[in-house]
Amino acid sequence: MTTIDLDQLAKVIGKAITRHRLSKGLTQEQLAEQLGIGNEAVSRMERGIVMPTVARLVEIAVILECDVAALLSEVSSHADGQAQHLARLLSPLSTKDRTMVISVVEQLSARLQQ
């Protein structure tokens, strides 16, 4: 059975919430207001001190207009989840910059496989 470091999981999810919140231009206070909780509760989630429940993650995803998977895929050890995360990182880049990043990843991958 695989063991999961819940503290690390909470921190990674918290960082994902922070990144998505900032990309929507929301403050912690605004997110807290929409969730009907105090901004200290949002702060604790974003710092990884408190693990949000599944229901709370769904609420957050709706407010931040993203899939719940977007908040969780960064913690995935599966190639599909990691590929989705990379796709989100690449999407705002220009075609030229995406090509450059893909080239670097290809070179790094080839080197690590040796």
N, C-alpha and C. Protein backbone atom coordinates (compact mmCIF):
# COMPACT_ATOMS: atom_id res chain seq x y z
N MET A 1 0.84 -1.18 0.00
CA MET A 1 0.00 0.00 0.00
C MET A 1 0.89 1.25 0.00
N THR A 2 0.51 2.22 -0.78
CA THR A 2 1.25 3.47 -0.88
C THR A 2 0.90 4.37 0.30
N THR A 3 1.92 4.95 0.91
CA THR A 3 1.65 5.91 1.97
C THR A 3 1.68 7.31 1.38
N ILE A 4 0.82 8.15 1.92
CA ILE A 4 0.71 9.52 1.42
C ILE A 4 1.11 10.47 2.54
N ASP A 5 1.97 11.40 2.23
CA ASP A 5 2.35 12.44 3.18
C ASP A 5 1.27 13.52 3.15
N LEU A 6 0.34 13.46 4.08
CA LEU A 6 -0.80 14.37 4.08
C LEU A 6 -0.40 15.82 4.27
N ASP A 7 0.65 16.05 5.04
CA ASP A 7 1.12 17.42 5.23
C ASP A 7 1.62 18.01 3.91
N GLN A 8 2.39 17.21 3.18
CA GLN A 8 2.90 17.67 1.88
C GLN A 8 1.75 17.84 0.89
N LEU A 9 0.79 16.92 0.91
CA LEU A 9 -0.37 17.02 0.04
C LEU A 9 -1.14 18.31 0.29
N ALA A 10 -1.36 18.63 1.55
CA ALA A 10 -2.08 19.86 1.91
C ALA A 10 -1.33 21.09 1.40
N LYS A 11 0.00 21.08 1.49
CA LYS A 11 0.78 22.22 1.02
C LYS A 11 0.71 22.39 -0.49
N VAL A 12 0.78 21.29 -1.22
CA VAL A 12 0.73 21.37 -2.68
C VAL A 12 -0.65 21.83 -3.14
N ILE A 13 -1.70 21.31 -2.52
CA ILE A 13 -3.06 21.75 -2.86
C ILE A 13 -3.22 23.22 -2.51
N GLY A 14 -2.69 23.64 -1.38
CA GLY A 14 -2.76 25.04 -0.98
C GLY A 14 -2.09 25.96 -1.98
N LYS A 15 -0.93 25.54 -2.48
CA LYS A 15 -0.24 26.34 -3.50
C LYS A 15 -1.05 26.43 -4.78
N ALA A 16 -1.70 25.32 -5.15
CA ALA A 16 -2.53 25.33 -6.35
C ALA A 16 -3.71 26.28 -6.18
N ILE A 17 -4.32 26.28 -5.00
CA ILE A 17 -5.43 27.19 -4.73
C ILE A 17 -4.94 28.63 -4.84
N THR A 18 -3.79 28.91 -4.24
CA THR A 18 -3.23 30.26 -4.30
C THR A 18 -3.00 30.70 -5.74
N ARG A 19 -2.38 29.84 -6.53
CA ARG A 19 -2.05 30.19 -7.91
C ARG A 19 -3.32 30.46 -8.72
N HIS A 20 -4.32 29.60 -8.57
CA HIS A 20 -5.57 29.80 -9.31
C HIS A 20 -6.31 31.04 -8.82
N ARG A 21 -6.28 31.28 -7.52
CA ARG A 21 -6.94 32.48 -6.97
C ARG A 21 -6.30 33.74 -7.53
N LEU A 22 -4.97 33.76 -7.53
CA LEU A 22 -4.26 34.94 -8.04
C LEU A 22 -4.50 35.13 -9.54
N SER A 23 -4.57 34.03 -10.27
CA SER A 23 -4.81 34.15 -11.72
C SER A 23 -6.20 34.70 -12.01
N LYS A 24 -7.13 34.53 -11.08
CA LYS A 24 -8.48 35.10 -11.21
C LYS A 24 -8.54 36.52 -10.66
N GLY A 25 -7.44 36.99 -10.07
CA GLY A 25 -7.39 38.34 -9.54
C GLY A 25 -8.17 38.50 -8.24
N LEU A 26 -8.33 37.42 -7.50
CA LEU A 26 -9.06 37.47 -6.24
C LEU A 26 -8.10 37.56 -5.05
N THR A 27 -8.53 38.26 -4.02
CA THR A 27 -7.79 38.26 -2.75
C THR A 27 -8.28 37.10 -1.91
N GLN A 28 -7.54 36.80 -0.86
CA GLN A 28 -8.01 35.77 0.08
C GLN A 28 -9.34 36.17 0.68
N GLU A 29 -9.50 37.46 0.95
CA GLU A 29 -10.74 37.95 1.54
C GLU A 29 -11.93 37.73 0.61
N GLN A 30 -11.71 37.98 -0.68
CA GLN A 30 -12.80 37.81 -1.66
C GLN A 30 -13.18 36.33 -1.80
N LEU A 31 -12.17 35.46 -1.83
CA LEU A 31 -12.45 34.03 -1.91
C LEU A 31 -13.18 33.57 -0.65
N ALA A 32 -12.72 34.03 0.50
CA ALA A 32 -13.35 33.66 1.77
C ALA A 32 -14.81 34.09 1.80
N GLU A 33 -15.07 35.30 1.33
CA GLU A 33 -16.44 35.83 1.31
C GLU A 33 -17.35 34.96 0.44
N GLN A 34 -16.83 34.57 -0.72
CA GLN A 34 -17.64 33.73 -1.62
C GLN A 34 -17.86 32.33 -1.06
N LEU A 35 -16.90 31.87 -0.24
CA LEU A 35 -17.04 30.56 0.40
C LEU A 35 -17.87 30.62 1.67
N GLY A 36 -18.07 31.84 2.19
CA GLY A 36 -18.81 31.99 3.43
C GLY A 36 -18.01 31.60 4.66
N ILE A 37 -16.69 31.82 4.57
CA ILE A 37 -15.79 31.50 5.68
C ILE A 37 -14.89 32.71 5.95
N GLY A 38 -14.12 32.66 7.01
CA GLY A 38 -13.19 33.73 7.32
C GLY A 38 -11.95 33.66 6.45
N ASN A 39 -11.32 34.82 6.23
CA ASN A 39 -10.13 34.81 5.38
C ASN A 39 -8.97 34.06 6.04
N GLU A 40 -8.98 33.93 7.37
CA GLU A 40 -7.94 33.14 8.03
C GLU A 40 -8.06 31.67 7.65
N ALA A 41 -9.29 31.19 7.43
CA ALA A 41 -9.48 29.81 7.00
C ALA A 41 -8.89 29.60 5.60
N VAL A 42 -9.08 30.56 4.71
CA VAL A 42 -8.48 30.48 3.37
C VAL A 42 -6.95 30.51 3.50
N SER A 43 -6.45 31.38 4.34
CA SER A 43 -5.01 31.47 4.55
C SER A 43 -4.44 30.13 5.04
N ARG A 44 -5.12 29.50 5.97
CA ARG A 44 -4.64 28.20 6.50
C ARG A 44 -4.66 27.13 5.41
N MET A 45 -5.69 27.15 4.55
CA MET A 45 -5.71 26.19 3.44
C MET A 45 -4.56 26.44 2.49
N GLU A 46 -4.35 27.71 2.12
CA GLU A 46 -3.31 28.03 1.15
C GLU A 46 -1.91 27.75 1.70
N ARG A 47 -1.74 27.86 2.99
CA ARG A 47 -0.43 27.56 3.59
C ARG A 47 -0.25 26.08 3.86
N GLY A 48 -1.30 25.28 3.63
CA GLY A 48 -1.19 23.84 3.83
C GLY A 48 -1.34 23.42 5.27
N ILE A 49 -1.84 24.30 6.12
CA ILE A 49 -2.04 23.97 7.53
C ILE A 49 -3.31 23.14 7.69
N VAL A 50 -4.31 23.46 6.85
CA VAL A 50 -5.59 22.76 6.88
C VAL A 50 -5.83 22.15 5.50
N MET A 51 -6.26 20.88 5.49
CA MET A 51 -6.60 20.20 4.24
C MET A 51 -8.08 20.46 3.95
N PRO A 52 -8.38 21.08 2.81
CA PRO A 52 -9.80 21.30 2.48
C PRO A 52 -10.50 19.97 2.23
N THR A 53 -11.77 19.92 2.58
CA THR A 53 -12.57 18.72 2.29
C THR A 53 -12.83 18.65 0.79
N VAL A 54 -13.30 17.51 0.34
CA VAL A 54 -13.64 17.36 -1.07
C VAL A 54 -14.73 18.35 -1.44
N ALA A 55 -15.74 18.49 -0.58
CA ALA A 55 -16.82 19.44 -0.87
C ALA A 55 -16.28 20.86 -0.97
N ARG A 56 -15.36 21.23 -0.10
CA ARG A 56 -14.78 22.57 -0.14
C ARG A 56 -13.94 22.76 -1.40
N LEU A 57 -13.20 21.71 -1.82
CA LEU A 57 -12.43 21.80 -3.06
C LEU A 57 -13.33 22.03 -4.26
N VAL A 58 -14.48 21.38 -4.26
CA VAL A 58 -15.44 21.59 -5.35
C VAL A 58 -15.92 23.04 -5.35
N GLU A 59 -16.25 23.57 -4.18
CA GLU A 59 -16.69 24.97 -4.08
C GLU A 59 -15.60 25.92 -4.59
N ILE A 60 -14.38 25.66 -4.17
CA ILE A 60 -13.25 26.51 -4.59
C ILE A 60 -13.07 26.44 -6.10
N ALA A 61 -13.15 25.24 -6.66
CA ALA A 61 -12.99 25.07 -8.10
C ALA A 61 -14.07 25.83 -8.87
N VAL A 62 -15.30 25.80 -8.38
CA VAL A 62 -16.38 26.53 -9.03
C VAL A 62 -16.09 28.03 -9.01
N ILE A 63 -15.69 28.54 -7.86
CA ILE A 63 -15.41 29.98 -7.73
C ILE A 63 -14.24 30.39 -8.61
N LEU A 64 -13.21 29.53 -8.65
CA LEU A 64 -12.01 29.86 -9.42
C LEU A 64 -12.12 29.45 -10.89
N GLU A 65 -13.30 28.90 -11.24
CA GLU A 65 -13.58 28.51 -12.62
C GLU A 65 -12.51 27.57 -13.18
N CYS A 66 -12.23 26.53 -12.41
CA CYS A 66 -11.29 25.50 -12.85
C CYS A 66 -11.85 24.15 -12.44
N ASP A 67 -11.30 23.11 -12.98
CA ASP A 67 -11.70 21.76 -12.59
C ASP A 67 -11.05 21.44 -11.24
N VAL A 68 -11.74 20.60 -10.47
CA VAL A 68 -11.14 20.11 -9.22
C VAL A 68 -9.82 19.42 -9.55
N ALA A 69 -9.79 18.74 -10.68
CA ALA A 69 -8.56 18.05 -11.09
C ALA A 69 -7.39 19.01 -11.23
N ALA A 70 -7.68 20.25 -11.61
CA ALA A 70 -6.60 21.24 -11.74
C ALA A 70 -5.97 21.54 -10.39
N LEU A 71 -6.75 21.43 -9.33
CA LEU A 71 -6.22 21.67 -7.99
C LEU A 71 -5.49 20.44 -7.46
N LEU A 72 -5.79 19.27 -8.02
CA LEU A 72 -5.20 18.03 -7.53
C LEU A 72 -4.12 17.46 -8.43
N SER A 73 -4.14 17.78 -9.72
CA SER A 73 -3.23 17.11 -10.65
C SER A 73 -1.77 17.42 -10.39
N GLU A 74 -1.50 18.53 -9.75
CA GLU A 74 -0.10 18.86 -9.45
C GLU A 74 0.50 17.90 -8.44
N VAL A 75 -0.35 17.25 -7.65
CA VAL A 75 0.14 16.32 -6.65
C VAL A 75 0.17 14.90 -7.18
N SER A 76 -0.32 14.70 -8.39
CA SER A 76 -0.41 13.37 -8.96
C SER A 76 0.96 12.81 -9.28
N SER A 77 1.12 11.53 -9.02
CA SER A 77 2.35 10.85 -9.43
C SER A 77 2.13 10.11 -10.74
N HIS A 78 0.94 10.24 -11.32
CA HIS A 78 0.60 9.61 -12.58
C HIS A 78 0.96 10.53 -13.74
N ALA A 79 1.45 9.92 -14.81
CA ALA A 79 1.89 10.69 -15.97
C ALA A 79 0.76 11.54 -16.55
N ASP A 80 -0.48 11.02 -16.56
CA ASP A 80 -1.60 11.79 -17.12
C ASP A 80 -1.84 13.08 -16.34
N GLY A 81 -1.85 12.99 -15.03
CA GLY A 81 -2.06 14.19 -14.20
C GLY A 81 -0.93 15.18 -14.37
N GLN A 82 0.29 14.67 -14.44
CA GLN A 82 1.43 15.55 -14.62
C GLN A 82 1.42 16.19 -16.01
N ALA A 83 0.95 15.44 -17.01
CA ALA A 83 0.86 16.00 -18.36
C ALA A 83 -0.17 17.12 -18.40
N GLN A 84 -1.28 16.95 -17.69
CA GLN A 84 -2.29 18.00 -17.63
C GLN A 84 -1.72 19.25 -16.97
N HIS A 85 -0.93 19.05 -15.93
CA HIS A 85 -0.31 20.18 -15.25
C HIS A 85 0.64 20.91 -16.21
N LEU A 86 1.45 20.16 -16.94
CA LEU A 86 2.35 20.79 -17.91
C LEU A 86 1.57 21.52 -19.00
N ALA A 87 0.46 20.95 -19.44
CA ALA A 87 -0.36 21.61 -20.46
C ALA A 87 -0.87 22.95 -19.95
N ARG A 88 -1.27 23.01 -18.67
CA ARG A 88 -1.74 24.28 -18.10
C ARG A 88 -0.59 25.29 -18.02
N LEU A 89 0.60 24.82 -17.74
CA LEU A 89 1.74 25.72 -17.67
C LEU A 89 2.12 26.25 -19.06
N LEU A 90 1.97 25.42 -20.07
CA LEU A 90 2.34 25.81 -21.43
C LEU A 90 1.30 26.69 -22.11
N SER A 91 0.04 26.53 -21.75
CA SER A 91 -1.04 27.18 -22.50
C SER A 91 -0.93 28.70 -22.62
N PRO A 92 -0.45 29.43 -21.61
CA PRO A 92 -0.37 30.88 -21.81
C PRO A 92 0.85 31.33 -22.62
N LEU A 93 1.74 30.42 -22.94
CA LEU A 93 2.96 30.79 -23.66
C LEU A 93 2.70 30.92 -25.16
N SER A 94 3.55 31.67 -25.81
CA SER A 94 3.47 31.79 -27.26
C SER A 94 3.92 30.46 -27.88
N THR A 95 3.58 30.29 -29.15
CA THR A 95 3.97 29.06 -29.86
C THR A 95 5.48 28.88 -29.83
N LYS A 96 6.21 29.95 -30.04
CA LYS A 96 7.67 29.89 -30.03
C LYS A 96 8.19 29.46 -28.66
N ASP A 97 7.64 30.03 -27.59
CA ASP A 97 8.09 29.68 -26.24
C ASP A 97 7.71 28.24 -25.87
N ARG A 98 6.51 27.79 -26.29
CA ARG A 98 6.11 26.40 -26.03
C ARG A 98 7.06 25.45 -26.73
N THR A 99 7.44 25.77 -27.97
CA THR A 99 8.37 24.93 -28.72
C THR A 99 9.71 24.84 -28.00
N MET A 100 10.17 25.96 -27.49
CA MET A 100 11.44 25.97 -26.77
C MET A 100 11.36 25.10 -25.50
N VAL A 101 10.27 25.23 -24.75
CA VAL A 101 10.11 24.44 -23.52
C VAL A 101 10.05 22.96 -23.84
N ILE A 102 9.31 22.59 -24.88
CA ILE A 102 9.21 21.18 -25.28
C ILE A 102 10.58 20.64 -25.66
N SER A 103 11.36 21.44 -26.36
CA SER A 103 12.70 21.03 -26.75
C SER A 103 13.57 20.77 -25.52
N VAL A 104 13.50 21.65 -24.55
CA VAL A 104 14.28 21.48 -23.31
C VAL A 104 13.84 20.22 -22.58
N VAL A 105 12.53 19.99 -22.50
CA VAL A 105 12.02 18.80 -21.81
C VAL A 105 12.45 17.54 -22.55
N GLU A 106 12.40 17.55 -23.87
CA GLU A 106 12.85 16.39 -24.65
C GLU A 106 14.31 16.08 -24.38
N GLN A 107 15.16 17.12 -24.38
CA GLN A 107 16.58 16.92 -24.14
C GLN A 107 16.83 16.40 -22.73
N LEU A 108 16.13 16.97 -21.76
CA LEU A 108 16.30 16.54 -20.37
C LEU A 108 15.83 15.11 -20.20
N SER A 109 14.70 14.77 -20.80
CA SER A 109 14.17 13.41 -20.72
C SER A 109 15.15 12.40 -21.32
N ALA A 110 15.70 12.72 -22.49
CA ALA A 110 16.66 11.83 -23.13
C ALA A 110 17.89 11.64 -22.26
N ARG A 111 18.35 12.70 -21.66
CA ARG A 111 19.53 12.62 -20.80
C ARG A 111 19.26 11.77 -19.56
N LEU A 112 18.10 11.94 -18.95
CA LEU A 112 17.76 11.19 -17.73
C LEU A 112 17.51 9.73 -18.00
N GLN A 113 17.15 9.38 -19.23
CA GLN A 113 16.90 7.98 -19.58
C GLN A 113 18.21 7.20 -19.79
N GLN A 114 19.31 7.90 -19.94
CA GLN A 114 20.60 7.24 -20.17
C GLN A 114 21.10 6.55 -18.93
